[in-house]
N, C-alpha and C. Protein backbone atom coordinates (compact mmCIF):
# COMPACT_ATOMS: atom_id res chain seq x y z
N MET A 1 -0.03 38.27 24.62
CA MET A 1 -0.70 37.24 25.37
C MET A 1 -0.03 35.90 25.11
N THR A 2 0.26 35.16 26.17
CA THR A 2 0.85 33.83 26.05
C THR A 2 -0.25 32.78 26.07
N ILE A 3 -0.20 31.90 25.10
CA ILE A 3 -1.19 30.82 25.00
C ILE A 3 -0.62 29.57 25.66
N ASP A 4 -1.35 29.01 26.59
CA ASP A 4 -0.95 27.78 27.26
C ASP A 4 -1.04 26.62 26.27
N GLN A 5 0.03 25.83 26.16
CA GLN A 5 0.07 24.73 25.19
C GLN A 5 -1.02 23.69 25.44
N LEU A 6 -1.27 23.36 26.70
CA LEU A 6 -2.30 22.36 26.99
C LEU A 6 -3.70 22.87 26.63
N GLN A 7 -3.95 24.15 26.91
CA GLN A 7 -5.24 24.72 26.55
C GLN A 7 -5.39 24.78 25.03
N PHE A 8 -4.32 25.16 24.34
CA PHE A 8 -4.34 25.21 22.88
C PHE A 8 -4.67 23.83 22.31
N ARG A 9 -3.99 22.80 22.82
CA ARG A 9 -4.23 21.43 22.37
C ARG A 9 -5.68 21.01 22.64
N HIS A 10 -6.19 21.36 23.83
CA HIS A 10 -7.57 21.03 24.20
C HIS A 10 -8.57 21.70 23.26
N VAL A 11 -8.39 22.98 23.02
CA VAL A 11 -9.31 23.71 22.15
C VAL A 11 -9.25 23.16 20.73
N MET A 12 -8.06 22.94 20.19
CA MET A 12 -7.93 22.43 18.83
C MET A 12 -8.48 21.01 18.70
N GLY A 13 -8.46 20.27 19.79
CA GLY A 13 -9.00 18.91 19.79
C GLY A 13 -10.50 18.85 19.57
N ASN A 14 -11.17 19.98 19.60
CA ASN A 14 -12.60 20.03 19.35
C ASN A 14 -12.94 20.08 17.87
N PHE A 15 -11.92 20.10 17.03
CA PHE A 15 -12.13 20.07 15.59
C PHE A 15 -11.96 18.62 15.13
N ALA A 16 -13.05 18.00 14.71
CA ALA A 16 -13.00 16.61 14.26
C ALA A 16 -12.26 16.51 12.93
N THR A 17 -11.41 15.51 12.82
CA THR A 17 -10.65 15.31 11.59
C THR A 17 -10.70 13.85 11.18
N GLY A 18 -10.33 13.61 9.95
CA GLY A 18 -10.05 12.26 9.52
C GLY A 18 -8.66 11.88 10.01
N VAL A 19 -8.29 10.64 9.78
CA VAL A 19 -6.97 10.15 10.21
C VAL A 19 -6.28 9.55 9.00
N ALA A 20 -5.01 9.87 8.86
CA ALA A 20 -4.23 9.35 7.74
C ALA A 20 -2.87 8.88 8.24
N ILE A 21 -2.29 7.98 7.49
CA ILE A 21 -0.88 7.63 7.68
C ILE A 21 -0.15 8.11 6.45
N VAL A 22 0.85 8.94 6.66
CA VAL A 22 1.68 9.46 5.58
C VAL A 22 2.89 8.54 5.48
N THR A 23 3.14 8.03 4.28
CA THR A 23 4.23 7.07 4.07
C THR A 23 5.20 7.58 3.02
N ALA A 24 6.41 7.02 3.07
CA ALA A 24 7.42 7.31 2.06
C ALA A 24 8.41 6.15 2.05
N ALA A 25 9.15 6.03 0.97
CA ALA A 25 10.18 5.00 0.85
C ALA A 25 11.35 5.58 0.07
N HIS A 26 12.55 5.17 0.48
CA HIS A 26 13.75 5.62 -0.23
C HIS A 26 14.84 4.58 -0.03
N GLU A 27 15.35 4.04 -1.13
CA GLU A 27 16.45 3.10 -1.12
C GLU A 27 16.24 1.97 -0.11
N GLY A 28 15.04 1.39 -0.11
CA GLY A 28 14.73 0.25 0.74
C GLY A 28 14.34 0.58 2.16
N SER A 29 14.35 1.84 2.54
CA SER A 29 13.93 2.25 3.87
C SER A 29 12.53 2.84 3.79
N PHE A 30 11.75 2.60 4.85
CA PHE A 30 10.37 3.08 4.90
C PHE A 30 10.21 4.13 5.99
N ALA A 31 9.22 4.99 5.78
CA ALA A 31 8.85 5.99 6.78
C ALA A 31 7.34 6.05 6.84
N GLY A 32 6.82 6.42 7.99
CA GLY A 32 5.38 6.58 8.12
C GLY A 32 5.02 7.22 9.44
N PHE A 33 3.98 8.03 9.42
CA PHE A 33 3.50 8.65 10.65
C PHE A 33 2.02 8.94 10.52
N THR A 34 1.34 8.91 11.66
CA THR A 34 -0.09 9.23 11.70
C THR A 34 -0.25 10.74 11.67
N ALA A 35 -1.20 11.18 10.85
CA ALA A 35 -1.43 12.62 10.70
C ALA A 35 -2.93 12.91 10.69
N ASN A 36 -3.29 14.01 11.30
CA ASN A 36 -4.64 14.52 11.11
C ASN A 36 -4.58 15.97 10.64
N ALA A 37 -3.39 16.52 10.53
CA ALA A 37 -3.20 17.86 9.95
C ALA A 37 -2.91 17.68 8.47
N PHE A 38 -3.96 17.55 7.69
CA PHE A 38 -3.88 17.28 6.26
C PHE A 38 -5.06 17.96 5.58
N THR A 39 -4.82 18.56 4.42
CA THR A 39 -5.91 19.19 3.68
C THR A 39 -5.54 19.38 2.22
N SER A 40 -6.54 19.54 1.39
CA SER A 40 -6.31 19.92 0.01
C SER A 40 -6.00 21.41 -0.02
N VAL A 41 -5.21 21.83 -1.01
CA VAL A 41 -4.80 23.22 -1.12
C VAL A 41 -5.29 23.82 -2.43
N SER A 42 -5.15 23.08 -3.52
CA SER A 42 -5.42 23.64 -4.84
C SER A 42 -5.92 22.56 -5.79
N LEU A 43 -6.80 22.96 -6.71
CA LEU A 43 -7.25 22.05 -7.76
C LEU A 43 -6.35 22.12 -8.99
N GLU A 44 -5.78 23.29 -9.27
CA GLU A 44 -4.93 23.47 -10.44
C GLU A 44 -3.69 24.26 -10.07
N PRO A 45 -2.55 23.60 -9.89
CA PRO A 45 -2.39 22.15 -9.96
C PRO A 45 -2.96 21.49 -8.70
N PRO A 46 -3.19 20.18 -8.74
CA PRO A 46 -3.71 19.52 -7.55
C PRO A 46 -2.63 19.44 -6.47
N LEU A 47 -2.88 20.13 -5.34
CA LEU A 47 -1.92 20.19 -4.25
C LEU A 47 -2.58 19.84 -2.93
N VAL A 48 -1.82 19.18 -2.06
CA VAL A 48 -2.25 18.91 -0.69
C VAL A 48 -1.13 19.33 0.24
N LEU A 49 -1.48 19.50 1.52
CA LEU A 49 -0.44 19.74 2.52
C LEU A 49 -0.66 18.82 3.70
N VAL A 50 0.44 18.50 4.34
CA VAL A 50 0.41 17.72 5.56
C VAL A 50 1.47 18.30 6.49
N CYS A 51 1.21 18.26 7.79
CA CYS A 51 2.16 18.78 8.77
C CYS A 51 2.90 17.65 9.45
N LEU A 52 4.19 17.84 9.62
CA LEU A 52 5.10 16.83 10.18
C LEU A 52 5.94 17.49 11.26
N GLY A 53 6.02 16.86 12.44
CA GLY A 53 6.87 17.38 13.51
C GLY A 53 8.31 17.48 13.05
N VAL A 54 8.97 18.56 13.41
CA VAL A 54 10.36 18.79 13.00
C VAL A 54 11.27 17.63 13.40
N GLN A 55 11.02 17.03 14.56
CA GLN A 55 11.86 15.95 15.06
C GLN A 55 11.45 14.56 14.55
N ASN A 56 10.39 14.47 13.76
CA ASN A 56 9.88 13.19 13.30
C ASN A 56 10.91 12.51 12.41
N ALA A 57 11.21 11.24 12.71
CA ALA A 57 12.22 10.50 11.96
C ALA A 57 11.83 10.28 10.50
N SER A 58 10.57 10.38 10.16
CA SER A 58 10.12 10.21 8.77
C SER A 58 10.62 11.34 7.87
N ARG A 59 10.97 12.43 8.47
CA ARG A 59 11.38 13.62 7.70
C ARG A 59 12.51 13.31 6.73
N LYS A 60 13.53 12.57 7.18
CA LYS A 60 14.70 12.30 6.34
C LYS A 60 14.33 11.52 5.09
N ILE A 61 13.49 10.52 5.24
CA ILE A 61 13.12 9.69 4.09
C ILE A 61 12.21 10.47 3.14
N ILE A 62 11.30 11.25 3.68
CA ILE A 62 10.42 12.05 2.82
C ILE A 62 11.25 13.06 2.02
N GLU A 63 12.18 13.73 2.68
CA GLU A 63 13.00 14.72 1.98
C GLU A 63 13.92 14.05 0.96
N ALA A 64 14.46 12.87 1.29
CA ALA A 64 15.34 12.17 0.35
C ALA A 64 14.57 11.65 -0.87
N SER A 65 13.38 11.13 -0.64
CA SER A 65 12.59 10.59 -1.75
C SER A 65 11.86 11.67 -2.54
N ARG A 66 11.70 12.84 -1.92
CA ARG A 66 10.94 13.95 -2.51
C ARG A 66 9.52 13.52 -2.86
N ALA A 67 8.96 12.62 -2.02
CA ALA A 67 7.61 12.09 -2.27
C ALA A 67 7.00 11.61 -0.96
N PHE A 68 5.66 11.50 -0.98
CA PHE A 68 4.95 10.90 0.14
C PHE A 68 3.57 10.48 -0.36
N CYS A 69 2.94 9.59 0.41
CA CYS A 69 1.59 9.15 0.10
C CYS A 69 0.74 9.33 1.35
N VAL A 70 -0.42 9.95 1.19
CA VAL A 70 -1.37 10.11 2.28
C VAL A 70 -2.38 8.98 2.16
N ASN A 71 -2.40 8.10 3.16
CA ASN A 71 -3.33 6.97 3.22
C ASN A 71 -4.44 7.32 4.20
N ILE A 72 -5.65 7.57 3.71
CA ILE A 72 -6.78 7.92 4.56
C ILE A 72 -7.36 6.63 5.11
N LEU A 73 -7.47 6.54 6.44
CA LEU A 73 -7.79 5.29 7.10
C LEU A 73 -9.28 5.04 7.28
N THR A 74 -9.62 3.74 7.32
CA THR A 74 -10.97 3.30 7.66
C THR A 74 -11.00 2.96 9.15
N VAL A 75 -12.21 2.76 9.68
CA VAL A 75 -12.34 2.39 11.09
C VAL A 75 -11.62 1.08 11.39
N GLU A 76 -11.49 0.21 10.41
CA GLU A 76 -10.80 -1.06 10.61
C GLU A 76 -9.28 -0.89 10.77
N GLN A 77 -8.77 0.30 10.49
CA GLN A 77 -7.32 0.53 10.55
C GLN A 77 -6.88 1.33 11.78
N GLU A 78 -7.72 1.37 12.80
CA GLU A 78 -7.35 2.13 14.00
C GLU A 78 -6.05 1.64 14.61
N ASP A 79 -5.81 0.32 14.58
CA ASP A 79 -4.56 -0.20 15.13
C ASP A 79 -3.35 0.38 14.41
N LEU A 80 -3.44 0.56 13.09
CA LEU A 80 -2.34 1.18 12.34
C LEU A 80 -2.14 2.63 12.76
N ALA A 81 -3.24 3.35 12.94
CA ALA A 81 -3.15 4.74 13.39
C ALA A 81 -2.39 4.83 14.71
N ARG A 82 -2.69 3.93 15.63
CA ARG A 82 -2.03 3.94 16.93
C ARG A 82 -0.54 3.60 16.81
N ILE A 83 -0.21 2.60 16.00
CA ILE A 83 1.19 2.20 15.82
C ILE A 83 2.01 3.34 15.23
N PHE A 84 1.47 3.99 14.20
CA PHE A 84 2.23 5.03 13.51
C PHE A 84 2.18 6.38 14.21
N ALA A 85 1.42 6.48 15.29
CA ALA A 85 1.43 7.68 16.11
C ALA A 85 2.58 7.66 17.12
N THR A 86 3.26 6.53 17.25
CA THR A 86 4.38 6.42 18.18
C THR A 86 5.66 6.95 17.54
N ASN A 87 6.66 7.20 18.37
CA ASN A 87 7.93 7.72 17.86
C ASN A 87 8.99 6.66 17.67
N GLY A 88 8.73 5.44 18.10
CA GLY A 88 9.75 4.40 18.04
C GLY A 88 10.06 3.93 16.64
N PRO A 89 11.28 3.42 16.43
CA PRO A 89 11.69 2.94 15.11
C PRO A 89 11.00 1.63 14.70
N ALA A 90 10.39 0.92 15.64
CA ALA A 90 9.75 -0.36 15.32
C ALA A 90 8.64 -0.20 14.28
N LYS A 91 8.02 0.97 14.22
CA LYS A 91 6.92 1.17 13.25
C LYS A 91 7.43 1.07 11.82
N TYR A 92 8.68 1.41 11.57
CA TYR A 92 9.21 1.34 10.21
C TYR A 92 9.41 -0.11 9.79
N ASP A 93 9.85 -0.96 10.73
CA ASP A 93 9.94 -2.39 10.44
C ASP A 93 8.54 -2.95 10.21
N TYR A 94 7.59 -2.47 11.00
CA TYR A 94 6.20 -2.92 10.88
C TYR A 94 5.64 -2.54 9.50
N LEU A 95 5.97 -1.35 9.04
CA LEU A 95 5.48 -0.89 7.74
C LEU A 95 5.97 -1.81 6.62
N ALA A 96 7.19 -2.30 6.74
CA ALA A 96 7.72 -3.21 5.71
C ALA A 96 6.91 -4.50 5.65
N LYS A 97 6.22 -4.87 6.75
CA LYS A 97 5.46 -6.11 6.80
C LYS A 97 3.98 -5.92 6.48
N VAL A 98 3.49 -4.67 6.52
CA VAL A 98 2.08 -4.39 6.23
C VAL A 98 1.85 -4.55 4.73
N THR A 99 0.73 -5.16 4.37
CA THR A 99 0.42 -5.35 2.96
C THR A 99 0.24 -3.98 2.31
N HIS A 100 1.03 -3.74 1.29
CA HIS A 100 0.96 -2.46 0.59
C HIS A 100 1.44 -2.63 -0.85
N HIS A 101 1.19 -1.62 -1.63
CA HIS A 101 1.68 -1.55 -2.99
C HIS A 101 2.12 -0.11 -3.23
N SER A 102 2.49 0.24 -4.43
CA SER A 102 2.88 1.62 -4.70
C SER A 102 2.36 2.04 -6.07
N ALA A 103 2.38 3.35 -6.29
CA ALA A 103 1.95 3.92 -7.57
C ALA A 103 3.17 4.59 -8.21
N LEU A 104 3.06 5.84 -8.54
CA LEU A 104 4.12 6.51 -9.29
C LEU A 104 5.36 6.85 -8.48
N THR A 105 5.21 7.26 -7.22
CA THR A 105 6.37 7.74 -6.47
C THR A 105 7.12 6.63 -5.73
N GLY A 106 6.52 5.46 -5.60
CA GLY A 106 7.14 4.39 -4.83
C GLY A 106 6.80 4.44 -3.36
N SER A 107 6.07 5.45 -2.92
CA SER A 107 5.65 5.52 -1.52
C SER A 107 4.63 4.43 -1.24
N PRO A 108 4.70 3.79 -0.05
CA PRO A 108 3.76 2.72 0.25
C PRO A 108 2.31 3.19 0.31
N ILE A 109 1.45 2.43 -0.37
CA ILE A 109 0.01 2.62 -0.31
C ILE A 109 -0.52 1.46 0.50
N LEU A 110 -1.10 1.75 1.66
CA LEU A 110 -1.56 0.71 2.57
C LEU A 110 -2.83 0.07 2.04
N ASP A 111 -2.78 -1.24 1.81
CA ASP A 111 -3.95 -1.95 1.33
C ASP A 111 -5.08 -1.82 2.33
N GLY A 112 -6.28 -1.61 1.84
CA GLY A 112 -7.45 -1.47 2.70
C GLY A 112 -7.76 -0.05 3.12
N SER A 113 -6.95 0.90 2.68
CA SER A 113 -7.21 2.31 3.03
C SER A 113 -8.47 2.80 2.33
N LEU A 114 -9.12 3.77 2.94
CA LEU A 114 -10.31 4.38 2.37
C LEU A 114 -9.98 5.13 1.09
N ALA A 115 -8.84 5.77 1.07
CA ALA A 115 -8.36 6.48 -0.10
C ALA A 115 -6.86 6.69 0.05
N TRP A 116 -6.20 6.96 -1.06
CA TRP A 116 -4.79 7.31 -1.00
C TRP A 116 -4.49 8.39 -2.03
N ILE A 117 -3.49 9.23 -1.67
CA ILE A 117 -3.07 10.34 -2.52
C ILE A 117 -1.55 10.30 -2.60
N ASP A 118 -1.04 9.95 -3.77
CA ASP A 118 0.39 9.84 -4.01
C ASP A 118 0.91 11.19 -4.48
N CYS A 119 1.96 11.71 -3.82
CA CYS A 119 2.41 13.09 -4.07
C CYS A 119 3.91 13.19 -4.27
N ARG A 120 4.28 14.12 -5.11
CA ARG A 120 5.68 14.55 -5.21
C ARG A 120 5.82 15.77 -4.31
N LEU A 121 6.82 15.75 -3.46
CA LEU A 121 7.08 16.86 -2.54
C LEU A 121 7.55 18.07 -3.36
N THR A 122 6.81 19.17 -3.27
CA THR A 122 7.20 20.37 -4.03
C THR A 122 7.85 21.43 -3.15
N ASP A 123 7.39 21.57 -1.91
CA ASP A 123 7.94 22.59 -1.02
C ASP A 123 7.81 22.15 0.43
N VAL A 124 8.70 22.68 1.27
CA VAL A 124 8.65 22.47 2.72
C VAL A 124 8.74 23.86 3.36
N TYR A 125 7.78 24.15 4.23
CA TYR A 125 7.73 25.45 4.89
C TYR A 125 7.85 25.27 6.40
N PRO A 126 8.53 26.20 7.08
CA PRO A 126 8.57 26.13 8.54
C PRO A 126 7.21 26.46 9.13
N GLY A 127 6.87 25.79 10.21
CA GLY A 127 5.61 26.04 10.91
C GLY A 127 5.78 25.79 12.39
N GLY A 128 6.62 26.57 13.06
CA GLY A 128 6.85 26.37 14.49
C GLY A 128 7.59 25.07 14.73
N ASP A 129 7.01 24.19 15.57
CA ASP A 129 7.65 22.91 15.85
C ASP A 129 7.26 21.85 14.82
N HIS A 130 6.65 22.27 13.72
CA HIS A 130 6.28 21.39 12.62
C HIS A 130 6.80 21.94 11.29
N LEU A 131 6.80 21.07 10.30
CA LEU A 131 7.07 21.46 8.92
C LEU A 131 5.78 21.28 8.14
N ILE A 132 5.55 22.15 7.19
CA ILE A 132 4.39 22.05 6.32
C ILE A 132 4.89 21.51 4.99
N LEU A 133 4.47 20.29 4.68
CA LEU A 133 4.88 19.64 3.44
C LEU A 133 3.82 19.89 2.38
N LEU A 134 4.22 20.45 1.25
CA LEU A 134 3.31 20.69 0.14
C LEU A 134 3.62 19.66 -0.93
N GLY A 135 2.59 18.96 -1.37
CA GLY A 135 2.80 17.93 -2.38
C GLY A 135 1.87 18.07 -3.56
N GLU A 136 2.42 17.84 -4.75
CA GLU A 136 1.61 17.81 -5.95
C GLU A 136 1.09 16.39 -6.15
N VAL A 137 -0.20 16.25 -6.30
CA VAL A 137 -0.83 14.94 -6.46
C VAL A 137 -0.51 14.40 -7.84
N VAL A 138 0.04 13.16 -7.86
CA VAL A 138 0.37 12.52 -9.14
C VAL A 138 -0.48 11.29 -9.40
N ALA A 139 -1.10 10.75 -8.36
CA ALA A 139 -2.01 9.61 -8.50
C ALA A 139 -2.88 9.56 -7.25
N LEU A 140 -4.10 9.02 -7.39
CA LEU A 140 -5.00 8.93 -6.24
C LEU A 140 -6.11 7.95 -6.55
N GLU A 141 -6.73 7.46 -5.47
CA GLU A 141 -7.84 6.53 -5.62
C GLU A 141 -8.63 6.48 -4.33
N ALA A 142 -9.93 6.24 -4.47
CA ALA A 142 -10.81 6.10 -3.30
C ALA A 142 -11.51 4.76 -3.37
N ALA A 143 -11.83 4.22 -2.19
CA ALA A 143 -12.54 2.95 -2.07
C ALA A 143 -13.79 3.18 -1.23
N GLN A 144 -14.46 2.11 -0.90
CA GLN A 144 -15.64 2.18 -0.03
C GLN A 144 -15.23 1.85 1.40
N GLY A 145 -15.98 2.38 2.35
CA GLY A 145 -15.73 2.07 3.75
C GLY A 145 -16.10 3.25 4.63
N ASP A 146 -15.93 3.06 5.93
CA ASP A 146 -16.22 4.10 6.90
C ASP A 146 -14.93 4.72 7.39
N PRO A 147 -14.85 6.05 7.40
CA PRO A 147 -13.61 6.71 7.79
C PRO A 147 -13.36 6.63 9.30
N LEU A 148 -12.08 6.58 9.64
CA LEU A 148 -11.66 6.70 11.03
C LEU A 148 -11.59 8.19 11.34
N LEU A 149 -12.19 8.60 12.45
CA LEU A 149 -12.22 10.00 12.85
C LEU A 149 -11.44 10.21 14.15
N TYR A 150 -11.02 11.44 14.37
CA TYR A 150 -10.29 11.79 15.59
C TYR A 150 -10.90 13.07 16.17
N LEU A 151 -11.29 13.00 17.44
CA LEU A 151 -11.91 14.13 18.12
C LEU A 151 -11.61 14.03 19.61
N ARG A 152 -11.19 15.13 20.19
CA ARG A 152 -10.92 15.21 21.63
C ARG A 152 -9.99 14.09 22.11
N ALA A 153 -8.91 13.90 21.35
CA ALA A 153 -7.85 12.94 21.68
C ALA A 153 -8.30 11.49 21.68
N LYS A 154 -9.37 11.19 20.94
CA LYS A 154 -9.86 9.81 20.85
C LYS A 154 -10.29 9.51 19.41
N TYR A 155 -10.17 8.23 19.05
CA TYR A 155 -10.64 7.78 17.75
C TYR A 155 -12.14 7.53 17.82
N HIS A 156 -12.82 7.83 16.73
CA HIS A 156 -14.27 7.69 16.65
C HIS A 156 -14.67 7.11 15.31
N ARG A 157 -15.92 6.67 15.22
CA ARG A 157 -16.49 6.25 13.96
C ARG A 157 -17.80 6.97 13.78
N LEU A 158 -18.24 7.09 12.53
CA LEU A 158 -19.51 7.74 12.25
C LEU A 158 -20.66 6.91 12.81
N GLU A 159 -21.65 7.57 13.38
CA GLU A 159 -22.86 6.90 13.83
C GLU A 159 -23.75 6.67 12.62
N LYS A 160 -24.37 5.51 12.58
CA LYS A 160 -25.27 5.22 11.44
C LYS A 160 -26.68 5.16 11.90
């Protein structure tokens, strides 16, 4: 049976997710992309995975640095989610100007994020037109705020 790509995308869009920007830095160059394919994998050791399109320009910097940081976004960061969902190189220049700091790996931690998870890249697995990045968590922190959500190709916020 052949699965229609548009129908597959539509059906999968019914699964509500959080929104994150995955960042990396290597030798003065920055990388970042918006992701909603992210999950915890293991408590011992602490592992997470994130999916990255094979053609995504961030791939080179993540592989060179052998690290990445998952920045979980708040509703106030929707504009960042939109910028980093694009494929243009301008987002990397923009990342250099966004207020951020770093922890152990040197990957940018976006100030104001709901939470961040700093990871050392341990493995990369093929996954069709994506790569599955497995990272060991080396530092993390959570803050207060409302998460940015993604459902049916639109950004949402929790109803209160």
